N, C-alpha and C. Protein backbone atom coordinates (compact mmCIF):
# COMPACT_ATOMS: atom_id res chain seq x y z
N MET A 1 0.62 -1.27 -0.30
CA MET A 1 -0.08 -0.25 0.13
C MET A 1 0.83 1.20 -0.08
N ASP A 2 0.89 1.87 -0.71
CA ASP A 2 1.42 3.62 -1.12
C ASP A 2 0.98 4.67 -0.48
N ARG A 3 1.15 5.61 -0.73
CA ARG A 3 0.98 6.92 -0.21
C ARG A 3 -0.33 7.05 -1.10
N LEU A 4 -0.54 6.73 -2.16
CA LEU A 4 -1.87 7.03 -3.06
C LEU A 4 -2.69 6.21 -2.40
N ASP A 5 -2.69 5.22 -2.11
CA ASP A 5 -3.55 4.32 -1.65
C ASP A 5 -4.15 4.91 -0.29
N LEU A 6 -2.95 5.55 0.38
CA LEU A 6 -3.70 5.65 1.99
C LEU A 6 -4.44 7.17 1.41
N THR A 7 -4.14 7.70 0.77
CA THR A 7 -4.47 9.23 0.08
C THR A 7 -6.10 8.91 0.17
N ILE A 8 -6.62 7.69 -0.67
CA ILE A 8 -7.67 7.58 -1.38
C ILE A 8 -7.97 6.96 0.02
N LEU A 9 -8.26 5.98 0.83
CA LEU A 9 -8.65 5.75 2.19
C LEU A 9 -8.89 6.57 3.04
N ALA A 10 -8.19 7.53 3.10
CA ALA A 10 -8.45 9.00 3.89
C ALA A 10 -9.48 9.34 3.75
N GLU A 11 -9.40 9.94 1.97
CA GLU A 11 -10.80 10.69 1.56
C GLU A 11 -12.39 9.65 1.29
N LEU A 12 -12.00 8.49 1.34
CA LEU A 12 -13.17 7.43 1.88
C LEU A 12 -13.73 7.77 2.87
N GLN A 13 -12.34 7.54 3.85
CA GLN A 13 -13.10 7.20 5.20
C GLN A 13 -13.83 8.89 5.57
N ARG A 14 -12.86 10.22 5.11
CA ARG A 14 -13.56 11.54 5.24
C ARG A 14 -14.93 11.14 4.89
N ASP A 15 -14.90 11.07 3.64
CA ASP A 15 -16.86 11.15 3.09
C ASP A 15 -16.80 10.29 2.12
N SER A 16 -17.09 9.24 1.99
CA SER A 16 -17.40 8.02 1.25
C SER A 16 -18.46 8.28 0.07
N ARG A 17 -19.35 9.56 0.17
CA ARG A 17 -20.20 10.09 -0.57
C ARG A 17 -19.66 11.07 -1.65
N GLN A 18 -18.40 11.21 -1.62
CA GLN A 18 -17.46 12.17 -2.99
C GLN A 18 -17.46 11.39 -4.18
N SER A 19 -17.27 12.34 -5.17
CA SER A 19 -17.36 11.69 -6.51
C SER A 19 -15.65 10.71 -6.51
N ILE A 20 -15.78 9.77 -7.33
CA ILE A 20 -14.32 9.33 -7.57
C ILE A 20 -13.49 10.40 -8.21
N SER A 21 -14.09 11.43 -8.90
CA SER A 21 -13.46 12.44 -9.75
C SER A 21 -12.59 12.87 -8.54
N ASP A 22 -13.42 13.66 -7.18
CA ASP A 22 -12.80 14.20 -6.43
C ASP A 22 -11.72 13.97 -5.55
N ILE A 23 -12.16 12.30 -5.47
CA ILE A 23 -11.38 11.73 -4.96
C ILE A 23 -9.61 11.73 -5.52
N ALA A 24 -9.86 11.48 -7.11
CA ALA A 24 -8.86 11.44 -7.76
C ALA A 24 -8.11 12.72 -7.97
N ASP A 25 -8.69 13.46 -7.87
CA ASP A 25 -7.96 15.08 -7.69
C ASP A 25 -7.14 15.43 -6.38
N ARG A 26 -7.63 15.05 -5.38
CA ARG A 26 -7.07 14.53 -4.85
C ARG A 26 -5.94 14.33 -4.24
N ALA A 27 -6.03 13.05 -4.77
CA ALA A 27 -4.64 12.03 -4.86
C ALA A 27 -3.77 11.89 -6.20
N GLY A 28 -4.32 13.00 -6.91
CA GLY A 28 -3.34 13.51 -7.93
C GLY A 28 -3.47 12.23 -8.86
N LEU A 29 -4.43 11.99 -9.30
CA LEU A 29 -4.53 10.36 -10.03
C LEU A 29 -5.59 11.14 -11.08
N SER A 30 -5.49 10.12 -12.33
CA SER A 30 -6.19 10.15 -13.18
C SER A 30 -7.95 9.52 -12.84
N LEU A 31 -9.14 9.62 -13.34
CA LEU A 31 -10.29 9.28 -12.89
C LEU A 31 -9.72 7.74 -12.92
N SER A 32 -9.57 7.14 -14.34
CA SER A 32 -9.47 5.83 -14.14
C SER A 32 -8.40 4.90 -13.25
N ALA A 33 -7.27 5.61 -13.08
CA ALA A 33 -6.57 5.03 -12.24
C ALA A 33 -7.08 5.25 -10.72
N CYS A 34 -7.45 5.75 -10.04
CA CYS A 34 -7.94 6.35 -9.17
C CYS A 34 -8.95 4.71 -8.79
N HIS A 35 -10.51 4.75 -9.89
CA HIS A 35 -11.41 3.96 -9.93
C HIS A 35 -10.41 2.44 -9.50
N ARG A 36 -9.70 2.09 -10.49
CA ARG A 36 -8.97 1.06 -10.38
C ARG A 36 -8.34 0.53 -9.00
N ARG A 37 -7.62 1.94 -8.68
CA ARG A 37 -7.14 1.53 -7.08
C ARG A 37 -8.06 0.98 -6.50
N ILE A 38 -9.44 1.77 -6.11
CA ILE A 38 -10.44 1.64 -5.12
C ILE A 38 -10.86 0.55 -5.41
N LYS A 39 -11.51 -0.23 -6.53
CA LYS A 39 -11.59 -1.48 -6.84
C LYS A 39 -10.44 -2.47 -6.55
N LEU A 40 -9.46 -2.19 -6.56
CA LEU A 40 -8.09 -2.91 -6.12
C LEU A 40 -8.65 -3.26 -4.49
N LEU A 41 -8.44 -2.13 -3.58
CA LEU A 41 -8.47 -2.23 -2.44
C LEU A 41 -9.55 -2.44 -1.45
N GLU A 42 -10.66 -2.73 -2.38
CA GLU A 42 -12.24 -3.60 -2.07
C GLU A 42 -11.70 -4.97 -2.41
N SER A 43 -11.23 -5.13 -3.20
CA SER A 43 -10.98 -6.95 -3.40
C SER A 43 -10.08 -7.66 -2.61
N GLU A 44 -9.11 -6.51 -2.35
CA GLU A 44 -7.94 -7.02 -1.37
C GLU A 44 -8.77 -7.10 0.28
N GLY A 45 -9.64 -6.30 0.58
CA GLY A 45 -10.20 -6.11 2.12
C GLY A 45 -10.04 -5.27 2.32
N ALA A 46 -8.86 -4.18 2.01
CA ALA A 46 -9.13 -2.59 2.70
C ALA A 46 -9.81 -2.02 3.11
N ILE A 47 -10.89 -1.92 2.53
CA ILE A 47 -12.17 -1.42 2.01
C ILE A 47 -13.32 -2.06 2.46
N THR A 48 -14.00 -2.52 3.39
CA THR A 48 -14.84 -3.94 4.10
C THR A 48 -16.06 -2.98 3.64
N GLY A 49 -16.65 -1.96 3.17
CA GLY A 49 -18.28 -1.35 3.17
C GLY A 49 -17.56 -0.29 2.99
N TYR A 50 -18.95 0.47 2.72
CA TYR A 50 -19.30 2.35 2.84
C TYR A 50 -20.89 1.92 3.94
N GLY A 51 -20.87 3.13 4.55
CA GLY A 51 -22.30 3.28 5.41
C GLY A 51 -21.72 5.12 5.70
N ALA A 52 -22.97 5.54 6.44
CA ALA A 52 -23.22 6.67 6.94
C ALA A 52 -23.25 6.52 8.66
N ARG A 53 -22.34 7.61 8.93
CA ARG A 53 -22.12 7.90 10.34
C ARG A 53 -23.63 8.65 11.07
N LEU A 54 -24.34 7.77 11.66
CA LEU A 54 -25.90 8.02 12.40
C LEU A 54 -25.42 8.72 13.80
N ASP A 55 -26.34 9.83 13.81
CA ASP A 55 -26.20 9.99 15.56
C ASP A 55 -27.28 9.37 16.02
N PRO A 56 -26.92 8.55 16.96
CA PRO A 56 -27.62 7.91 18.19
C PRO A 56 -28.65 8.48 18.87
N GLN A 57 -28.46 9.81 19.13
CA GLN A 57 -29.66 10.55 20.07
C GLN A 57 -30.69 10.68 19.10
N ALA A 58 -30.21 11.58 17.54
CA ALA A 58 -31.38 11.94 16.97
C ALA A 58 -32.50 10.88 16.54
N LEU A 59 -31.90 9.21 16.61
CA LEU A 59 -32.43 8.02 16.39
C LEU A 59 -33.01 7.56 17.96
N GLY A 60 -32.87 8.65 19.16
CA GLY A 60 -33.63 8.11 20.39
C GLY A 60 -33.23 7.48 20.74
N LEU A 61 -31.55 7.19 20.90
CA LEU A 61 -30.70 6.34 21.68
C LEU A 61 -29.79 6.77 22.63
N GLU A 62 -30.49 7.27 23.74
CA GLU A 62 -29.83 8.42 24.56
C GLU A 62 -28.83 7.94 25.17
N ILE A 63 -28.18 6.19 25.46
CA ILE A 63 -27.70 5.98 26.43
C ILE A 63 -26.93 4.88 25.53
N GLU A 64 -25.32 5.20 25.65
CA GLU A 64 -24.53 4.24 25.57
C GLU A 64 -23.79 3.27 27.13
N VAL A 65 -23.68 2.09 26.62
CA VAL A 65 -23.07 1.44 27.64
C VAL A 65 -22.13 0.01 27.26
N PHE A 66 -21.15 0.41 27.79
CA PHE A 66 -20.23 -0.93 28.20
C PHE A 66 -20.56 -1.99 28.96
N ALA A 67 -20.63 -3.10 28.42
CA ALA A 67 -20.93 -4.59 29.20
C ALA A 67 -19.79 -5.26 29.28
N GLU A 68 -19.12 -5.53 30.50
CA GLU A 68 -18.29 -6.66 30.69
C GLU A 68 -18.68 -7.54 30.99
N ILE A 69 -18.41 -8.77 30.12
CA ILE A 69 -18.99 -10.26 30.30
C ILE A 69 -17.72 -10.94 30.64
N SER A 70 -18.28 -11.95 31.30
CA SER A 70 -17.36 -13.22 31.77
C SER A 70 -18.38 -14.47 32.05
N LEU A 71 -17.69 -15.47 30.93
CA LEU A 71 -18.17 -16.82 30.65
C LEU A 71 -17.59 -17.80 31.81
N THR A 72 -19.06 -18.64 31.87
CA THR A 72 -18.48 -19.94 32.65
C THR A 72 -17.51 -20.51 32.17
N SER A 73 -17.17 -20.74 30.97
CA SER A 73 -16.12 -21.27 30.59
C SER A 73 -15.61 -20.80 29.32
N GLN A 74 -14.13 -20.90 29.13
CA GLN A 74 -13.39 -20.14 27.78
C GLN A 74 -13.41 -21.51 27.06
N HIS A 75 -13.84 -22.60 26.68
CA HIS A 75 -13.56 -23.57 25.92
C HIS A 75 -13.91 -22.96 24.35
N TYR A 76 -13.79 -23.26 24.07
CA TYR A 76 -13.91 -23.08 21.93
C TYR A 76 -15.39 -23.05 22.00
N SER A 77 -15.90 -24.33 22.21
CA SER A 77 -17.29 -24.27 21.66
C SER A 77 -18.18 -23.30 22.78
N ALA A 78 -18.12 -22.96 23.80
CA ALA A 78 -18.79 -22.00 24.43
C ALA A 78 -18.36 -20.79 23.78
N LEU A 79 -17.34 -19.88 23.56
CA LEU A 79 -17.09 -18.62 23.11
C LEU A 79 -17.88 -18.77 21.55
N GLU A 80 -17.65 -20.01 20.93
CA GLU A 80 -18.21 -19.79 19.90
C GLU A 80 -19.55 -19.68 19.90
N GLU A 81 -20.15 -19.98 20.68
CA GLU A 81 -21.56 -20.15 21.16
C GLU A 81 -22.01 -18.64 21.57
N PHE A 82 -21.65 -18.22 22.32
CA PHE A 82 -21.84 -16.74 22.77
C PHE A 82 -21.25 -15.96 21.61
N GLU A 83 -20.27 -15.80 20.74
CA GLU A 83 -20.54 -15.07 19.87
C GLU A 83 -21.01 -15.01 18.60
N GLN A 84 -21.82 -16.53 18.71
CA GLN A 84 -22.46 -16.30 17.23
C GLN A 84 -23.96 -15.76 17.56
N ALA A 85 -24.58 -16.04 19.33
CA ALA A 85 -25.89 -15.54 19.95
C ALA A 85 -25.84 -13.92 19.81
N VAL A 86 -24.10 -13.55 20.30
CA VAL A 86 -24.48 -11.67 20.08
C VAL A 86 -24.66 -10.82 18.50
N LEU A 87 -24.43 -11.90 17.75
CA LEU A 87 -24.27 -11.42 15.96
C LEU A 87 -26.15 -11.20 15.76
N GLY A 88 -27.04 -11.48 16.82
CA GLY A 88 -28.28 -11.88 16.52
C GLY A 88 -29.00 -10.79 16.76
N HIS A 89 -28.08 -9.75 18.00
CA HIS A 89 -28.53 -9.27 18.93
C HIS A 89 -28.28 -6.98 18.17
N ASP A 90 -29.20 -6.69 17.35
CA ASP A 90 -28.89 -5.17 16.99
C ASP A 90 -28.72 -4.28 18.20
N GLU A 91 -29.08 -4.42 19.24
CA GLU A 91 -28.63 -3.59 20.44
C GLU A 91 -27.19 -3.51 20.35
N ILE A 92 -26.88 -4.57 20.51
CA ILE A 92 -25.26 -4.62 20.58
C ILE A 92 -24.40 -4.40 19.75
N LEU A 93 -23.58 -3.22 19.63
CA LEU A 93 -23.19 -2.45 18.58
C LEU A 93 -21.75 -2.93 18.22
N GLU A 94 -20.82 -3.35 19.58
CA GLU A 94 -19.73 -4.04 19.04
C GLU A 94 -19.57 -5.09 20.05
N CYS A 95 -18.61 -6.45 19.86
CA CYS A 95 -18.16 -7.13 20.77
C CYS A 95 -16.87 -7.56 20.30
N LYS A 96 -16.59 -7.43 21.63
CA LYS A 96 -14.67 -7.51 21.38
C LYS A 96 -14.48 -8.70 22.71
N LEU A 97 -13.68 -9.70 22.21
CA LEU A 97 -12.89 -10.75 23.13
C LEU A 97 -11.31 -9.99 23.42
N THR A 98 -11.71 -9.90 24.89
CA THR A 98 -10.51 -9.37 25.52
C THR A 98 -9.67 -10.50 26.45
N THR A 99 -8.74 -9.84 26.66
CA THR A 99 -7.84 -9.94 28.07
C THR A 99 -8.16 -9.72 29.14
N GLY A 100 -7.61 -10.37 30.53
CA GLY A 100 -7.99 -9.34 31.88
C GLY A 100 -9.19 -10.26 32.47
N ALA A 101 -9.60 -9.26 33.03
CA ALA A 101 -10.32 -10.24 34.38
C ALA A 101 -11.92 -10.23 33.44
N HIS A 102 -12.02 -10.12 32.58
CA HIS A 102 -13.82 -10.28 31.59
C HIS A 102 -13.05 -10.77 30.20
N ASP A 103 -14.05 -11.85 30.07
CA ASP A 103 -14.01 -12.36 28.73
C ASP A 103 -14.11 -11.27 27.32
N TYR A 104 -15.39 -10.48 27.64
CA TYR A 104 -15.69 -9.66 26.23
C TYR A 104 -16.35 -8.28 27.12
N ILE A 105 -16.14 -7.05 25.75
CA ILE A 105 -16.46 -6.09 26.13
C ILE A 105 -17.49 -5.70 24.94
N LEU A 106 -18.74 -5.43 25.16
CA LEU A 106 -19.60 -5.10 24.22
C LEU A 106 -20.08 -3.76 24.28
N ARG A 107 -20.44 -3.14 23.60
CA ARG A 107 -20.54 -1.52 23.40
C ARG A 107 -22.24 -1.74 23.17
N VAL A 108 -22.97 -1.27 23.62
CA VAL A 108 -24.66 -1.09 23.91
C VAL A 108 -25.19 0.14 23.95
N VAL A 109 -26.26 0.09 23.03
CA VAL A 109 -27.45 1.44 22.93
C VAL A 109 -28.44 1.15 23.32
N ALA A 110 -29.15 2.10 24.13
CA ALA A 110 -30.82 1.93 24.42
C ALA A 110 -31.10 3.52 24.74
N LYS A 111 -32.61 3.19 24.35
CA LYS A 111 -33.38 4.81 24.84
C LYS A 111 -33.19 5.36 25.77
N ASP A 112 -33.16 4.60 26.84
CA ASP A 112 -32.97 5.12 28.07
C ASP A 112 -33.22 3.77 29.01
N VAL A 113 -32.74 4.18 30.36
CA VAL A 113 -32.40 3.43 31.38
C VAL A 113 -33.20 2.42 31.57
N THR A 114 -34.63 2.58 31.57
CA THR A 114 -35.77 1.51 31.35
C THR A 114 -35.34 0.40 30.12
N ASP A 115 -34.86 1.07 29.23
CA ASP A 115 -34.82 0.45 27.82
C ASP A 115 -33.37 -0.43 28.23
N TYR A 116 -32.37 -0.06 28.82
CA TYR A 116 -31.22 -1.15 29.39
C TYR A 116 -31.64 -1.87 29.77
N ASP A 117 -32.27 -1.97 30.78
CA ASP A 117 -32.91 -2.78 32.00
C ASP A 117 -34.01 -3.71 31.17
N ARG A 118 -34.08 -3.69 30.13
CA ARG A 118 -35.00 -5.02 29.24
C ARG A 118 -33.72 -5.29 28.37
N ILE A 119 -32.95 -4.79 28.04
CA ILE A 119 -31.62 -5.42 27.31
C ILE A 119 -31.10 -6.11 28.14
N HIS A 120 -30.54 -5.23 29.48
CA HIS A 120 -29.76 -6.26 30.47
C HIS A 120 -30.18 -7.71 30.40
N ARG A 121 -31.97 -7.68 31.17
CA ARG A 121 -32.39 -8.83 31.00
C ARG A 121 -32.74 -9.69 30.24
N ASN A 122 -33.30 -9.21 29.03
CA ASN A 122 -33.44 -9.91 28.24
C ASN A 122 -32.50 -10.30 27.45
N VAL A 123 -31.81 -9.61 26.43
CA VAL A 123 -30.76 -9.80 25.81
C VAL A 123 -29.58 -10.19 26.50
N LEU A 124 -28.55 -9.63 27.51
CA LEU A 124 -27.25 -10.02 27.68
C LEU A 124 -27.29 -10.83 28.62
N SER A 125 -28.07 -10.98 29.69
CA SER A 125 -28.08 -12.12 30.88
C SER A 125 -28.91 -13.33 29.92
N ALA A 126 -28.98 -13.03 28.93
CA ALA A 126 -29.37 -14.23 28.26
C ALA A 126 -28.86 -15.19 26.85
N LEU A 127 -27.63 -14.08 26.91
CA LEU A 127 -26.93 -14.89 26.22
C LEU A 127 -26.02 -16.15 26.85
N PRO A 128 -25.57 -17.11 26.01
CA PRO A 128 -25.30 -18.26 26.22
C PRO A 128 -23.77 -18.26 27.53
N GLY A 129 -23.71 -19.21 28.01
CA GLY A 129 -22.69 -19.13 29.27
C GLY A 129 -22.58 -18.13 29.94
N VAL A 130 -23.11 -16.55 30.32
CA VAL A 130 -22.59 -15.66 30.76
C VAL A 130 -22.51 -16.00 32.32
N ALA A 131 -21.66 -15.65 32.64
CA ALA A 131 -21.26 -15.82 34.22
C ALA A 131 -21.54 -14.82 35.17
N SER A 132 -21.12 -13.90 34.73
CA SER A 132 -20.95 -12.41 35.54
C SER A 132 -21.29 -11.05 34.09
N MET A 133 -21.40 -10.02 34.83
CA MET A 133 -22.07 -9.04 33.81
C MET A 133 -21.79 -7.83 34.82
N ARG A 134 -20.61 -6.51 34.35
CA ARG A 134 -20.81 -5.35 34.76
C ARG A 134 -20.96 -4.75 33.59
N SER A 135 -21.90 -3.30 34.01
CA SER A 135 -22.46 -2.45 33.12
C SER A 135 -21.41 -1.11 33.09
N ILE A 136 -21.05 -0.62 32.65
CA ILE A 136 -20.57 0.60 32.29
C ILE A 136 -21.26 2.36 31.86
N PHE A 137 -21.67 2.97 32.22
CA PHE A 137 -22.42 4.16 31.24
C PHE A 137 -21.61 5.00 30.98
N ALA A 138 -21.59 5.40 29.64
CA ALA A 138 -20.77 6.56 29.24
C ALA A 138 -21.90 7.75 29.87
N LEU A 139 -21.04 8.66 29.90
CA LEU A 139 -21.66 9.94 30.33
C LEU A 139 -21.58 11.12 29.39
N ARG A 140 -20.49 10.99 28.55
CA ARG A 140 -20.65 11.70 27.40
C ARG A 140 -19.15 11.36 26.50
N THR A 141 -19.79 11.93 25.26
CA THR A 141 -18.39 11.33 24.35
C THR A 141 -17.07 12.53 24.21
N ILE A 142 -16.41 12.25 24.36
CA ILE A 142 -15.32 13.74 24.05
C ILE A 142 -15.02 13.24 22.91
N LYS A 143 -14.73 12.06 22.37
CA LYS A 143 -13.61 11.80 21.12
C LYS A 143 -14.56 10.68 20.49
N SER A 144 -15.39 11.30 19.32
CA SER A 144 -15.60 10.27 18.65
C SER A 144 -15.10 9.54 17.42
N TRP A 145 -15.54 8.55 17.03
CA TRP A 145 -14.26 7.19 16.03
C TRP A 145 -14.96 8.19 14.73
N LYS A 146 -13.74 8.49 13.99
CA LYS A 146 -14.20 8.72 12.68
C LYS A 146 -13.26 8.13 11.61
N GLY A 147 -12.36 6.84 11.99
CA GLY A 147 -11.79 6.17 11.16
C GLY A 147 -10.60 5.87 11.55
N LEU A 148 -9.88 5.14 10.63
CA LEU A 148 -8.55 4.71 11.11
C LEU A 148 -7.57 5.76 11.31
N PRO A 149 -6.29 5.72 11.98
CA PRO A 149 -5.14 6.60 11.47
C PRO A 149 -3.96 6.23 10.46
N LEU A 150 -4.70 6.69 9.80
CA LEU A 150 -3.99 6.45 8.29
C LEU A 150 -2.28 7.14 8.29
N SER A 151 -2.50 8.62 8.44
CA SER A 151 -1.67 9.30 8.32
C SER A 151 0.05 8.86 9.16
N ARG A 152 -0.52 7.68 10.15
CA ARG A 152 0.95 7.71 10.83
C ARG A 152 1.43 6.58 10.21
N ARG A 153 0.97 5.99 9.24
CA ARG A 153 1.64 4.54 8.95
C ARG A 153 3.13 4.81 7.95
């Protein structure tokens, strides 16, 4: 991956709705060369998809919670069963297998505390193999994720 690819990725990460022509101009490439590089980045898996960043509060999702989950077993089948179950719940935005005191950290959104109580009781505690759970409520966002750091490569 060279400087031109990184420029293309940075531009797509900043605004994937911009035209290939605009990206090509910023990268100093012809339209066809830029298009070819984007297709190559997609086929190689550097670009995994395109989407819009949505404001959770505009959608009525006022609460963000990080749930630390410990399982009753760390056997491969227990981890696999838990991970498959997580995939079926839209309220769980992210799930990371971690080291340390807990097995997983989940990022969850909810409308309010009552909604999180529902998610806690009916979704999180019902996931297979859950031994313990700890919820950490985010009070406010200081820095939102805007993309991967490409300029440091």
